[in-house]
Amino acid sequence: MSTPSGSDSPTVQESFFNRRFLINTGLILANSVLLLFVIKWADVVHWPYFLAAVTAAIIGFLEPRKGWMLAILQAAILWIGYTFFTSAPTNGGKKELELFCLYGSIFLTFLGSFVGGILKRASSK
């Protein structure tokens, strides 16, 4: 029995939760905590959006096929962390800014991960 590439050795299916994926998961956890601090600290949307876009592109570049799972993990950590582990600001304007940064960062996480995965696949061809 021959594989499509013409060799006689069967292809080995890689496990989804391999060592590389688990290391990248740890990086996502650390980045999500950092991003939450930036969201709470920032007075403008530029810093959280910049950090979210850059790290999301890195997610897609590190894991071009499984980056969607890391993006979902980061989005969940951001939302859960902000909702349950941070205090709400008393100023209405600051609260609106934080929510705008939070939901924009979640959106950019998915978009940047997608773009990073495309760039990685394009660069490896």
PDB file of N, CA and C in Angstrom:
ATOM      1  N   MET A   1       0.848  -1.176   0.000  1.00  0.00           N
ATOM      2  CA  MET A   1       0.000   0.000   0.000  1.00  0.00           C
ATOM      3  C   MET A   1       0.891   1.235   0.000  1.00  0.00           C
ATOM      4  N   SER A   2       0.640   2.117  -0.875  1.00  0.00           N
ATOM      5  CA  SER A   2       1.474   3.300  -1.053  1.00  0.00           C
ATOM      6  C   SER A   2       0.692   4.548  -0.694  1.00  0.00           C
ATOM      7  N   THR A   3       1.380   5.529  -0.113  1.00  0.00           N
ATOM      8  CA  THR A   3       0.742   6.800   0.229  1.00  0.00           C
ATOM      9  C   THR A   3       0.715   7.690  -0.997  1.00  0.00           C
ATOM     10  N   PRO A   4      -0.089   8.764  -0.989  1.00  0.00           N
ATOM     11  CA  PRO A   4      -0.182   9.649  -2.152  1.00  0.00           C
ATOM     12  C   PRO A   4       1.150  10.269  -2.566  1.00  0.00           C
ATOM     13  N   SER A   5       2.085  10.386  -1.643  1.00  0.00           N
ATOM     14  CA  SER A   5       3.364  10.992  -2.004  1.00  0.00           C
ATOM     15  C   SER A   5       4.297   9.989  -2.658  1.00  0.00           C
ATOM     16  N   GLY A   6       3.892   8.734  -2.700  1.00  0.00           N
ATOM     17  CA  GLY A   6       4.684   7.728  -3.385  1.00  0.00           C
ATOM     18  C   GLY A   6       5.570   6.914  -2.462  1.00  0.00           C
ATOM     19  N   SER A   7       5.670   7.227  -1.214  1.00  0.00           N
ATOM     20  CA  SER A   7       6.483   6.440  -0.293  1.00  0.00           C
ATOM     21  C   SER A   7       5.649   5.322   0.300  1.00  0.00           C
ATOM     22  N   ASP A   8       6.318   4.308   0.792  1.00  0.00           N
ATOM     23  CA  ASP A   8       5.610   3.156   1.353  1.00  0.00           C
ATOM     24  C   ASP A   8       5.338   3.294   2.841  1.00  0.00           C
ATOM     25  N   SER A   9       5.845   4.352   3.489  1.00  0.00           N
ATOM     26  CA  SER A   9       5.591   4.526   4.920  1.00  0.00           C
ATOM     27  C   SER A   9       4.264   5.264   5.126  1.00  0.00           C
ATOM     28  N   PRO A  10       3.438   4.761   6.045  1.00  0.00           N
ATOM     29  CA  PRO A  10       2.157   5.435   6.296  1.00  0.00           C
ATOM     30  C   PRO A  10       2.386   6.770   6.993  1.00  0.00           C
ATOM     31  N   THR A  11       1.477   7.700   6.745  1.00  0.00           N
ATOM     32  CA  THR A  11       1.576   9.001   7.400  1.00  0.00           C
ATOM     33  C   THR A  11       1.114   8.869   8.842  1.00  0.00           C
ATOM     34  N   VAL A  12       1.801   9.538   9.736  1.00  0.00           N
ATOM     35  CA  VAL A  12       1.476   9.497  11.157  1.00  0.00           C
ATOM     36  C   VAL A  12       0.653  10.729  11.490  1.00  0.00           C
ATOM     37  N   GLN A  13      -0.528  10.493  12.067  1.00  0.00           N
ATOM     38  CA  GLN A  13      -1.412  11.586  12.469  1.00  0.00           C
ATOM     39  C   GLN A  13      -0.903  12.161  13.781  1.00  0.00           C
ATOM     40  N   GLU A  14      -0.701  13.463  13.816  1.00  0.00           N
ATOM     41  CA  GLU A  14      -0.213  14.140  15.007  1.00  0.00           C
ATOM     42  C   GLU A  14      -1.369  14.407  15.960  1.00  0.00           C
ATOM     43  N   SER A  15      -1.129  14.247  17.254  1.00  0.00           N
ATOM     44  CA  SER A  15      -2.138  14.513  18.265  1.00  0.00           C
ATOM     45  C   SER A  15      -2.473  16.004  18.292  1.00  0.00           C
ATOM     46  N   PHE A  16      -3.729  16.329  18.561  1.00  0.00           N
ATOM     47  CA  PHE A  16      -4.144  17.736  18.605  1.00  0.00           C
ATOM     48  C   PHE A  16      -3.470  18.458  19.759  1.00  0.00           C
ATOM     49  N   PHE A  17      -3.457  17.841  20.924  1.00  0.00           N
ATOM     50  CA  PHE A  17      -2.871  18.461  22.119  1.00  0.00           C
ATOM     51  C   PHE A  17      -1.441  17.962  22.307  1.00  0.00           C
ATOM     52  N   ASN A  18      -0.569  18.371  21.418  1.00  0.00           N
ATOM     53  CA  ASN A  18       0.830  17.992  21.528  1.00  0.00           C
ATOM     54  C   ASN A  18       1.588  18.974  22.401  1.00  0.00           C
ATOM     55  N   ARG A  19       2.878  18.742  22.573  1.00  0.00           N
ATOM     56  CA  ARG A  19       3.697  19.578  23.451  1.00  0.00           C
ATOM     57  C   ARG A  19       3.742  21.028  22.967  1.00  0.00           C
ATOM     58  N   ARG A  20       3.886  21.221  21.669  1.00  0.00           N
ATOM     59  CA  ARG A  20       3.953  22.571  21.098  1.00  0.00           C
ATOM     60  C   ARG A  20       2.665  23.351  21.376  1.00  0.00           C
ATOM     61  N   PHE A  21       1.529  22.685  21.218  1.00  0.00           N
ATOM     62  CA  PHE A  21       0.242  23.325  21.478  1.00  0.00           C
ATOM     63  C   PHE A  21       0.111  23.722  22.945  1.00  0.00           C
ATOM     64  N   LEU A  22       0.571  22.859  23.842  1.00  0.00           N
ATOM     65  CA  LEU A  22       0.484  23.158  25.274  1.00  0.00           C
ATOM     66  C   LEU A  22       1.404  24.319  25.653  1.00  0.00           C
ATOM     67  N   ILE A  23       2.573  24.406  25.050  1.00  0.00           N
ATOM     68  CA  ILE A  23       3.466  25.540  25.296  1.00  0.00           C
ATOM     69  C   ILE A  23       2.816  26.830  24.803  1.00  0.00           C
ATOM     70  N   ASN A  24       2.238  26.785  23.606  1.00  0.00           N
ATOM     71  CA  ASN A  24       1.549  27.965  23.075  1.00  0.00           C
ATOM     72  C   ASN A  24       0.335  28.343  23.921  1.00  0.00           C
ATOM     73  N   THR A  25      -0.311  27.361  24.535  1.00  0.00           N
ATOM     74  CA  THR A  25      -1.425  27.646  25.444  1.00  0.00           C
ATOM     75  C   THR A  25      -0.932  28.433  26.655  1.00  0.00           C
ATOM     76  N   GLY A  26       0.226  28.059  27.177  1.00  0.00           N
ATOM     77  CA  GLY A  26       0.811  28.812  28.286  1.00  0.00           C
ATOM     78  C   GLY A  26       1.129  30.251  27.889  1.00  0.00           C
ATOM     79  N   LEU A  27       1.633  30.427  26.671  1.00  0.00           N
ATOM     80  CA  LEU A  27       1.898  31.781  26.181  1.00  0.00           C
ATOM     81  C   LEU A  27       0.609  32.586  26.060  1.00  0.00           C
ATOM     82  N   ILE A  28      -0.454  31.945  25.633  1.00  0.00           N
ATOM     83  CA  ILE A  28      -1.746  32.614  25.499  1.00  0.00           C
ATOM     84  C   ILE A  28      -2.282  33.028  26.870  1.00  0.00           C
ATOM     85  N   LEU A  29      -2.104  32.177  27.858  1.00  0.00           N
ATOM     86  CA  LEU A  29      -2.548  32.531  29.211  1.00  0.00           C
ATOM     87  C   LEU A  29      -1.813  33.770  29.716  1.00  0.00           C
ATOM     88  N   ALA A  30      -0.493  33.776  29.554  1.00  0.00           N
ATOM     89  CA  ALA A  30       0.293  34.932  29.994  1.00  0.00           C
ATOM     90  C   ALA A  30      -0.085  36.183  29.210  1.00  0.00           C
ATOM     91  N   ASN A  31      -0.267  36.043  27.906  1.00  0.00           N
ATOM     92  CA  ASN A  31      -0.629  37.193  27.078  1.00  0.00           C
ATOM     93  C   ASN A  31      -2.012  37.725  27.433  1.00  0.00           C
ATOM     94  N   SER A  32      -2.934  36.844  27.740  1.00  0.00           N
ATOM     95  CA  SER A  32      -4.291  37.280  28.096  1.00  0.00           C
ATOM     96  C   SER A  32      -4.285  38.091  29.386  1.00  0.00           C
ATOM     97  N   VAL A  33      -3.495  37.662  30.361  1.00  0.00           N
ATOM     98  CA  VAL A  33      -3.387  38.414  31.615  1.00  0.00           C
ATOM     99  C   VAL A  33      -2.771  39.783  31.338  1.00  0.00           C
ATOM    100  N   LEU A  34      -1.706  39.815  30.518  1.00  0.00           N
ATOM    101  CA  LEU A  34      -1.082  41.084  30.152  1.00  0.00           C
ATOM    102  C   LEU A  34      -2.074  41.996  29.434  1.00  0.00           C
ATOM    103  N   LEU A  35      -2.836  41.440  28.522  1.00  0.00           N
ATOM    104  CA  LEU A  35      -3.819  42.226  27.777  1.00  0.00           C
ATOM    105  C   LEU A  35      -4.915  42.769  28.700  1.00  0.00           C
ATOM    106  N   LEU A  36      -5.319  42.001  29.687  1.00  0.00           N
ATOM    107  CA  LEU A  36      -6.300  42.500  30.661  1.00  0.00           C
ATOM    108  C   LEU A  36      -5.743  43.686  31.447  1.00  0.00           C
ATOM    109  N   PHE A  37      -4.470  43.598  31.845  1.00  0.00           N
ATOM    110  CA  PHE A  37      -3.853  44.731  32.538  1.00  0.00           C
ATOM    111  C   PHE A  37      -3.802  45.961  31.646  1.00  0.00           C
ATOM    112  N   VAL A  38      -3.482  45.769  30.376  1.00  0.00           N
ATOM    113  CA  VAL A  38      -3.412  46.901  29.453  1.00  0.00           C
ATOM    114  C   VAL A  38      -4.800  47.505  29.246  1.00  0.00           C
ATOM    115  N   ILE A  39      -5.817  46.661  29.151  1.00  0.00           N
ATOM    116  CA  ILE A  39      -7.190  47.169  28.997  1.00  0.00           C
ATOM    117  C   ILE A  39      -7.589  48.005  30.210  1.00  0.00           C
ATOM    118  N   LYS A  40      -7.261  47.541  31.401  1.00  0.00           N
ATOM    119  CA  LYS A  40      -7.612  48.285  32.619  1.00  0.00           C
ATOM    120  C   LYS A  40      -6.783  49.562  32.766  1.00  0.00           C
ATOM    121  N   TRP A  41      -5.552  49.563  32.287  1.00  0.00           N
ATOM    122  CA  TRP A  41      -4.631  50.682  32.461  1.00  0.00           C
ATOM    123  C   TRP A  41      -4.793  51.768  31.402  1.00  0.00           C
ATOM    124  N   ALA A  42      -5.098  51.390  30.180  1.00  0.00           N
ATOM    125  CA  ALA A  42      -5.055  52.313  29.042  1.00  0.00           C
ATOM    126  C   ALA A  42      -6.127  53.394  29.129  1.00  0.00           C
ATOM    127  N   ASP A  43      -5.738  54.580  28.673  1.00  0.00           N
ATOM    128  CA  ASP A  43      -6.684  55.688  28.571  1.00  0.00           C
ATOM    129  C   ASP A  43      -7.180  55.872  27.141  1.00  0.00           C
ATOM    130  N   VAL A  44      -6.599  55.119  26.213  1.00  0.00           N
ATOM    131  CA  VAL A  44      -6.995  55.153  24.803  1.00  0.00           C
ATOM    132  C   VAL A  44      -7.073  53.711  24.298  1.00  0.00           C
ATOM    133  N   VAL A  45      -7.714  53.523  23.156  1.00  0.00           N
ATOM    134  CA  VAL A  45      -7.869  52.169  22.620  1.00  0.00           C
ATOM    135  C   VAL A  45      -6.637  51.671  21.883  1.00  0.00           C
ATOM    136  N   HIS A  46      -5.701  52.525  21.607  1.00  0.00           N
ATOM    137  CA  HIS A  46      -4.578  52.152  20.751  1.00  0.00           C
ATOM    138  C   HIS A  46      -3.712  51.033  21.331  1.00  0.00           C
ATOM    139  N   TRP A  47      -3.358  51.110  22.613  1.00  0.00           N
ATOM    140  CA  TRP A  47      -2.475  50.101  23.197  1.00  0.00           C
ATOM    141  C   TRP A  47      -3.123  48.726  23.281  1.00  0.00           C
ATOM    142  N   PRO A  48      -4.344  48.594  23.785  1.00  0.00           N
ATOM    143  CA  PRO A  48      -4.948  47.256  23.802  1.00  0.00           C
ATOM    144  C   PRO A  48      -5.156  46.690  22.400  1.00  0.00           C
ATOM    145  N   TYR A  49      -5.556  47.534  21.464  1.00  0.00           N
ATOM    146  CA  TYR A  49      -5.770  47.047  20.099  1.00  0.00           C
ATOM    147  C   TYR A  49      -4.461  46.635  19.451  1.00  0.00           C
ATOM    148  N   PHE A  50      -3.410  47.397  19.667  1.00  0.00           N
ATOM    149  CA  PHE A  50      -2.108  47.057  19.103  1.00  0.00           C
ATOM    150  C   PHE A  50      -1.624  45.726  19.662  1.00  0.00           C
ATOM    151  N   LEU A  51      -1.682  45.578  20.977  1.00  0.00           N
ATOM    152  CA  LEU A  51      -1.240  44.334  21.611  1.00  0.00           C
ATOM    153  C   LEU A  51      -2.092  43.156  21.160  1.00  0.00           C
ATOM    154  N   ALA A  52      -3.389  43.329  21.078  1.00  0.00           N
ATOM    155  CA  ALA A  52      -4.278  42.242  20.654  1.00  0.00           C
ATOM    156  C   ALA A  52      -3.996  41.837  19.207  1.00  0.00           C
ATOM    157  N   ALA A  53      -3.807  42.799  18.327  1.00  0.00           N
ATOM    158  CA  ALA A  53      -3.568  42.483  16.918  1.00  0.00           C
ATOM    159  C   ALA A  53      -2.229  41.783  16.714  1.00  0.00           C
ATOM    160  N   VAL A  54      -1.199  42.275  17.370  1.00  0.00           N
ATOM    161  CA  VAL A  54       0.132  41.674  17.205  1.00  0.00           C
ATOM    162  C   VAL A  54       0.168  40.264  17.776  1.00  0.00           C
ATOM    163  N   THR A  55      -0.348  40.086  18.979  1.00  0.00           N
ATOM    164  CA  THR A  55      -0.304  38.753  19.576  1.00  0.00           C
ATOM    165  C   THR A  55      -1.229  37.772  18.855  1.00  0.00           C
ATOM    166  N   ALA A  56      -2.319  38.254  18.317  1.00  0.00           N
ATOM    167  CA  ALA A  56      -3.205  37.368  17.558  1.00  0.00           C
ATOM    168  C   ALA A  56      -2.536  36.911  16.267  1.00  0.00           C
ATOM    169  N   ALA A  57      -1.805  37.797  15.610  1.00  0.00           N
ATOM    170  CA  ALA A  57      -1.066  37.394  14.406  1.00  0.00           C
ATOM    171  C   ALA A  57       0.002  36.368  14.773  1.00  0.00           C
ATOM    172  N   ILE A  58       0.606  36.526  15.931  1.00  0.00           N
ATOM    173  CA  ILE A  58       1.593  35.551  16.395  1.00  0.00           C
ATOM    174  C   ILE A  58       0.920  34.208  16.675  1.00  0.00           C
ATOM    175  N   ILE A  59      -0.283  34.233  17.231  1.00  0.00           N
ATOM    176  CA  ILE A  59      -1.033  32.992  17.452  1.00  0.00           C
ATOM    177  C   ILE A  59      -1.205  32.248  16.131  1.00  0.00           C
ATOM    178  N   GLY A  60      -1.681  32.958  15.125  1.00  0.00           N
ATOM    179  CA  GLY A  60      -1.894  32.332  13.826  1.00  0.00           C
ATOM    180  C   GLY A  60      -0.608  31.857  13.196  1.00  0.00           C
ATOM    181  N   PHE A  61       0.477  32.577  13.417  1.00  0.00           N
ATOM    182  CA  PHE A  61       1.763  32.196  12.844  1.00  0.00           C
ATOM    183  C   PHE A  61       2.336  30.974  13.568  1.00  0.00           C
ATOM    184  N   LEU A  62       2.173  30.905  14.895  1.00  0.00           N
ATOM    185  CA  LEU A  62       2.680  29.760  15.654  1.00  0.00           C
ATOM    186  C   LEU A  62       1.882  28.491  15.378  1.00  0.00           C
ATOM    187  N   GLU A  63       0.598  28.622  15.291  1.00  0.00           N
ATOM    188  CA  GLU A  63      -0.293  27.468  15.077  1.00  0.00           C
ATOM    189  C   GLU A  63      -1.226  27.762  13.906  1.00  0.00           C
ATOM    190  N   PRO A  64      -0.752  27.607  12.672  1.00  0.00           N
ATOM    191  CA  PRO A  64      -1.595  27.969  11.530  1.00  0.00           C
ATOM    192  C   PRO A  64      -2.849  27.095  11.384  1.00  0.00           C
ATOM    193  N   ARG A  65      -2.804  25.863  11.843  1.00  0.00           N
ATOM    194  CA  ARG A  65      -3.970  24.981  11.727  1.00  0.00           C
ATOM    195  C   ARG A  65      -4.825  24.949  12.994  1.00  0.00           C
ATOM    196  N   LYS A  66      -4.202  25.117  14.145  1.00  0.00           N
ATOM    197  CA  LYS A  66      -4.921  25.035  15.420  1.00  0.00           C
ATOM    198  C   LYS A  66      -5.037  26.386  16.115  1.00  0.00           C
ATOM    199  N   GLY A  67      -4.713  27.466  15.426  1.00  0.00           N
ATOM    200  CA  GLY A  67      -4.760  28.797  16.019  1.00  0.00           C
ATOM    201  C   GLY A  67      -6.155  29.224  16.418  1.00  0.00           C
ATOM    202  N   TRP A  68      -7.165  28.693  15.757  1.00  0.00           N
ATOM    203  CA  TRP A  68      -8.545  29.036  16.094  1.00  0.00           C
ATOM    204  C   TRP A  68      -8.861  28.630  17.529  1.00  0.00           C
ATOM    205  N   MET A  69      -8.306  27.492  17.970  1.00  0.00           N
ATOM    206  CA  MET A  69      -8.547  27.038  19.334  1.00  0.00           C
ATOM    207  C   MET A  69      -7.855  27.970  20.336  1.00  0.00           C
ATOM    208  N   LEU A  70      -6.657  28.421  20.005  1.00  0.00           N
ATOM    209  CA  LEU A  70      -5.958  29.363  20.885  1.00  0.00           C
ATOM    210  C   LEU A  70      -6.670  30.714  20.911  1.00  0.00           C
ATOM    211  N   ALA A  71      -7.223  31.126  19.765  1.00  0.00           N
ATOM    212  CA  ALA A  71      -7.969  32.392  19.718  1.00  0.00           C
ATOM    213  C   ALA A  71      -9.228  32.301  20.572  1.00  0.00           C
ATOM    214  N   ILE A  72      -9.915  31.185  20.515  1.00  0.00           N
ATOM    215  CA  ILE A  72     -11.104  30.990  21.363  1.00  0.00           C
ATOM    216  C   ILE A  72     -10.704  31.006  22.833  1.00  0.00           C
ATOM    217  N   LEU A  73      -9.582  30.358  23.152  1.00  0.00           N
ATOM    218  CA  LEU A  73      -9.102  30.341  24.531  1.00  0.00           C
ATOM    219  C   LEU A  73      -8.776  31.751  25.010  1.00  0.00           C
ATOM    220  N   GLN A  74      -8.076  32.526  24.188  1.00  0.00           N
ATOM    221  CA  GLN A  74      -7.733  33.892  24.595  1.00  0.00           C
ATOM    222  C   GLN A  74      -8.985  34.743  24.758  1.00  0.00           C
ATOM    223  N   ALA A  75      -9.921  34.632  23.846  1.00  0.00           N
ATOM    224  CA  ALA A  75     -11.158  35.409  23.947  1.00  0.00           C
ATOM    225  C   ALA A  75     -11.926  35.048  25.224  1.00  0.00           C
ATOM    226  N   ALA A  76     -11.977  33.761  25.525  1.00  0.00           N
ATOM    227  CA  ALA A  76     -12.683  33.330  26.736  1.00  0.00           C
ATOM    228  C   ALA A  76     -11.979  33.837  27.991  1.00  0.00           C
ATOM    229  N   ILE A  77     -10.655  33.764  28.018  1.00  0.00           N
ATOM    230  CA  ILE A  77      -9.913  34.249  29.180  1.00  0.00           C
ATOM    231  C   ILE A  77     -10.116  35.749  29.351  1.00  0.00           C
ATOM    232  N   LEU A  78     -10.092  36.487  28.252  1.00  0.00           N
ATOM    233  CA  LEU A  78     -10.299  37.934  28.331  1.00  0.00           C
ATOM    234  C   LEU A  78     -11.669  38.259  28.901  1.00  0.00           C
ATOM    235  N   TRP A  79     -12.704  37.625  28.367  1.00  0.00           N
ATOM    236  CA  TRP A  79     -14.059  37.936  28.813  1.00  0.00           C
ATOM    237  C   TRP A  79     -14.284  37.497  30.258  1.00  0.00           C
ATOM    238  N   ILE A  80     -13.892  36.268  30.584  1.00  0.00           N
ATOM    239  CA  ILE A  80     -14.088  35.755  31.946  1.00  0.00           C
ATOM    240  C   ILE A  80     -13.250  36.562  32.935  1.00  0.00           C
ATOM    241  N   GLY A  81     -12.006  36.841  32.572  1.00  0.00           N
ATOM    242  CA  GLY A  81     -11.139  37.604  33.460  1.00  0.00           C
ATOM    243  C   GLY A  81     -11.671  38.997  33.719  1.00  0.00           C
ATOM    244  N   TYR A  82     -12.141  39.665  32.666  1.00  0.00           N
ATOM    245  CA  TYR A  82     -12.665  41.017  32.852  1.00  0.00           C
ATOM    246  C   TYR A  82     -13.975  40.997  33.642  1.00  0.00           C
ATOM    247  N   THR A  83     -14.842  40.056  33.321  1.00  0.00           N
ATOM    248  CA  THR A  83     -16.163  40.015  33.942  1.00  0.00           C
ATOM    249  C   THR A  83     -16.109  39.628  35.422  1.00  0.00           C
ATOM    250  N   PHE A  84     -15.289  38.645  35.760  1.00  0.00           N
ATOM    251  CA  PHE A  84     -15.336  38.093  37.110  1.00  0.00           C
ATOM    252  C   PHE A  84     -14.146  38.455  38.005  1.00  0.00           C
ATOM    253  N   PHE A  85     -13.035  38.906  37.424  1.00  0.00           N
ATOM    254  CA  PHE A  85     -11.839  39.108  38.243  1.00  0.00           C
ATOM    255  C   PHE A  85     -11.308  40.542  38.256  1.00  0.00           C
ATOM    256  N   THR A  86     -12.023  41.462  37.664  1.00  0.00           N
ATOM    257  CA  THR A  86     -11.615  42.860  37.741  1.00  0.00           C
ATOM    258  C   THR A  86     -12.780  43.677  38.305  1.00  0.00           C
ATOM    259  N   SER A  87     -12.444  44.814  38.849  1.00  0.00           N
ATOM    260  CA  SER A  87     -13.490  45.679  39.391  1.00  0.00           C
ATOM    261  C   SER A  87     -13.947  46.658  38.315  1.00  0.00           C
ATOM    262  N   ALA A  88     -15.216  46.952  38.338  1.00  0.00           N
ATOM    263  CA  ALA A  88     -15.777  47.891  37.363  1.00  0.00           C
ATOM    264  C   ALA A  88     -15.420  49.312  37.778  1.00  0.00           C
ATOM    265  N   PRO A  89     -15.026  50.143  36.828  1.00  0.00           N
ATOM    266  CA  PRO A  89     -14.725  51.539  37.165  1.00  0.00           C
ATOM    267  C   PRO A  89     -15.992  52.292  37.541  1.00  0.00           C
ATOM    268  N   THR A  90     -15.819  53.300  38.384  1.00  0.00           N
ATOM    269  CA  THR A  90     -16.972  54.092  38.806  1.00  0.00           C
ATOM    270  C   THR A  90     -17.353  55.129  37.760  1.00  0.00           C
ATOM    271  N   ASN A  91     -16.388  55.568  36.993  1.00  0.00           N
ATOM    272  CA  ASN A  91     -16.627  56.554  35.947  1.00  0.00           C
ATOM    273  C   ASN A  91     -17.260  55.862  34.738  1.00  0.00           C
ATOM    274  N   GLY A  92     -18.373  56.372  34.265  1.00  0.00           N
ATOM    275  CA  GLY A  92     -19.073  55.772  33.125  1.00  0.00           C
ATOM    276  C   GLY A  92     -18.258  55.793  31.852  1.00  0.00           C
ATOM    277  N   GLY A  93     -17.508  56.878  31.636  1.00  0.00           N
ATOM    278  CA  GLY A  93     -16.681  56.973  30.434  1.00  0.00           C
ATOM    279  C   GLY A  93     -15.560  55.950  30.430  1.00  0.00           C
ATOM    280  N   LYS A  94     -14.941  55.735  31.588  1.00  0.00           N
ATOM    281  CA  LYS A  94     -13.858  54.742  31.701  1.00  0.00           C
ATOM    282  C   LYS A  94     -14.398  53.335  31.496  1.00  0.00           C
ATOM    283  N   LYS A  95     -15.602  53.071  32.006  1.00  0.00           N
ATOM    284  CA  LYS A  95     -16.205  51.752  31.825  1.00  0.00           C
ATOM    285  C   LYS A  95     -16.492  51.491  30.347  1.00  0.00           C
ATOM    286  N   GLU A  96     -17.023  52.491  29.653  1.00  0.00           N
ATOM    287  CA  GLU A  96     -17.295  52.337  28.221  1.00  0.00           C
ATOM    288  C   GLU A  96     -16.007  52.117  27.437  1.00  0.00           C
ATOM    289  N   LEU A  97     -14.953  52.831  27.806  1.00  0.00           N
ATOM    290  CA  LEU A  97     -13.661  52.661  27.145  1.00  0.00           C
ATOM    291  C   LEU A  97     -13.117  51.255  27.363  1.00  0.00           C
ATOM    292  N   GLU A  98     -13.196  50.760  28.589  1.00  0.00           N
ATOM    293  CA  GLU A  98     -12.716  49.416  28.887  1.00  0.00           C
ATOM    294  C   GLU A  98     -13.504  48.364  28.126  1.00  0.00           C
ATOM    295  N   LEU A  99     -14.822  48.518  28.067  1.00  0.00           N
ATOM    296  CA  LEU A  99     -15.629  47.545  27.325  1.00  0.00           C
ATOM    297  C   LEU A  99     -15.337  47.607  25.833  1.00  0.00           C
ATOM    298  N   PHE A 100     -15.124  48.803  25.311  1.00  0.00           N
ATOM    299  CA  PHE A 100     -14.776  48.962  23.903  1.00  0.00           C
ATOM    300  C   PHE A 100     -13.425  48.291  23.615  1.00  0.00           C
ATOM    301  N   CYS A 101     -12.476  48.476  24.519  1.00  0.00           N
ATOM    302  CA  CYS A 101     -11.170  47.832  24.368  1.00  0.00           C
ATOM    303  C   CYS A 101     -11.289  46.311  24.482  1.00  0.00           C
ATOM    304  N   LEU A 102     -12.098  45.841  25.418  1.00  0.00           N
ATOM    305  CA  LEU A 102     -12.269  44.410  25.631  1.00  0.00           C
ATOM    306  C   LEU A 102     -12.865  43.733  24.405  1.00  0.00           C
ATOM    307  N   TYR A 103     -14.009  44.226  23.943  1.00  0.00           N
ATOM    308  CA  TYR A 103     -14.673  43.562  22.826  1.00  0.00           C
ATOM    309  C   TYR A 103     -13.927  43.768  21.510  1.00  0.00           C
ATOM    310  N   GLY A 104     -13.276  44.908  21.355  1.00  0.00           N
ATOM    311  CA  GLY A 104     -12.438  45.117  20.184  1.00  0.00           C
ATOM    312  C   GLY A 104     -11.245  44.182  20.181  1.00  0.00           C
ATOM    313  N   SER A 105     -10.655  43.949  21.353  1.00  0.00           N
ATOM    314  CA  SER A 105      -9.522  43.029  21.455  1.00  0.00           C
ATOM    315  C   SER A 105      -9.952  41.597  21.161  1.00  0.00           C
ATOM    316  N   ILE A 106     -11.127  41.224  21.588  1.00  0.00           N
ATOM    317  CA  ILE A 106     -11.641  39.883  21.287  1.00  0.00           C
ATOM    318  C   ILE A 106     -11.831  39.727  19.782  1.00  0.00           C
ATOM    319  N   PHE A 107     -12.405  40.728  19.138  1.00  0.00           N
ATOM    320  CA  PHE A 107     -12.577  40.682  17.685  1.00  0.00           C
ATOM    321  C   PHE A 107     -11.217  40.606  16.980  1.00  0.00           C
ATOM    322  N   LEU A 108     -10.277  41.434  17.413  1.00  0.00           N
ATOM    323  CA  LEU A 108      -8.953  41.437  16.796  1.00  0.00           C
ATOM    324  C   LEU A 108      -8.203  40.131  17.030  1.00  0.00           C
ATOM    325  N   THR A 109      -8.496  39.450  18.119  1.00  0.00           N
ATOM    326  CA  THR A 109      -7.881  38.144  18.375  1.00  0.00           C
ATOM    327  C   THR A 109      -8.259  37.160  17.275  1.00  0.00           C
ATOM    328  N   PHE A 110      -9.526  37.126  16.918  1.00  0.00           N
ATOM    329  CA  PHE A 110      -9.951  36.205  15.862  1.00  0.00           C
ATOM    330  C   PHE A 110      -9.437  36.637  14.496  1.00  0.00           C
ATOM    331  N   LEU A 111      -9.533  37.910  14.211  1.00  0.00           N
ATOM    332  CA  LEU A 111      -9.086  38.409  12.915  1.00  0.00           C
ATOM    333  C   LEU A 111      -7.575  38.233  12.747  1.00  0.00           C
ATOM    334  N   GLY A 112      -6.807  38.625  13.745  1.00  0.00           N
ATOM    335  CA  GLY A 112      -5.360  38.515  13.663  1.00  0.00           C
ATOM    336  C   GLY A 112      -4.887  37.076  13.593  1.00  0.00           C
ATOM    337  N   SER A 113      -5.534  36.183  14.307  1.00  0.00           N
ATOM    338  CA  SER A 113      -5.185  34.770  14.251  1.00  0.00           C
ATOM    339  C   SER A 113      -5.413  34.209  12.849  1.00  0.00           C
ATOM    340  N   PHE A 114      -6.498  34.590  12.246  1.00  0.00           N
ATOM    341  CA  PHE A 114      -6.807  34.162  10.875  1.00  0.00           C
ATOM    342  C   PHE A 114      -5.749  34.675   9.901  1.00  0.00           C
ATOM    343  N   VAL A 115      -5.408  35.949  10.011  1.00  0.00           N
ATOM    344  CA  VAL A 115      -4.411  36.547   9.114  1.00  0.00           C
ATOM    345  C   VAL A 115      -3.032  35.931   9.346  1.00  0.00           C
ATOM    346  N   GLY A 116      -2.657  35.724  10.603  1.00  0.00           N
ATOM    347  CA  GLY A 116      -1.373  35.100  10.910  1.00  0.00           C
ATOM    348  C   GLY A 116      -1.268  33.696  10.357  1.00  0.00           C
ATOM    349  N   GLY A 117      -2.349  32.929  10.433  1.00  0.00           N
ATOM    350  CA  GLY A 117      -2.361  31.581   9.862  1.00  0.00           C
ATOM    351  C   GLY A 117      -2.207  31.597   8.358  1.00  0.00           C
ATOM    352  N   ILE A 118      -2.861  32.549   7.705  1.00  0.00           N
ATOM    353  CA  ILE A 118      -2.730  32.672   6.248  1.00  0.00           C
ATOM    354  C   ILE A 118      -1.296  33.040   5.877  1.00  0.00           C
ATOM    355  N   LEU A 119      -0.696  33.968   6.613  1.00  0.00           N
ATOM    356  CA  LEU A 119       0.687  34.369   6.330  1.00  0.00           C
ATOM    357  C   LEU A 119       1.657  33.211   6.522  1.00  0.00           C
ATOM    358  N   LYS A 120       1.460  32.414   7.566  1.00  0.00           N
ATOM    359  CA  LYS A 120       2.335  31.275   7.812  1.00  0.00           C
ATOM    360  C   LYS A 120       2.205  30.245   6.700  1.00  0.00           C
ATOM    361  N   ARG A 121       0.992  29.928   6.300  1.00  0.00           N
ATOM    362  CA  ARG A 121       0.791  28.950   5.222  1.00  0.00           C
ATOM    363  C   ARG A 121       1.338  29.469   3.905  1.00  0.00           C
ATOM    364  N   ALA A 122       1.194  30.764   3.658  1.00  0.00           N
ATOM    365  CA  ALA A 122       1.712  31.340   2.416  1.00  0.00           C
ATOM    366  C   ALA A 122       3.239  31.359   2.407  1.00  0.00           C
ATOM    367  N   SER A 123       3.841  31.612   3.559  1.00  0.00           N
ATOM    368  CA  SER A 123       5.310  31.680   3.616  1.00  0.00           C
ATOM    369  C   SER A 123       5.953  30.294   3.565  1.00  0.00           C
ATOM    370  N   SER A 124       5.205  29.248   3.918  1.00  0.00           N
ATOM    371  CA  SER A 124       5.794  27.903   3.915  1.00  0.00           C
ATOM    372  C   SER A 124       5.670  27.214   2.559  1.00  0.00           C
ATOM    373  N   LYS A 125       4.988  27.820   1.618  1.00  0.00           N
ATOM    374  CA  LYS A 125       4.844  27.191   0.291  1.00  0.00           C
ATOM    375  C   LYS A 125       6.000  27.457  -0.591  1.00  0.00           C
TER     376      LYS A 125
END
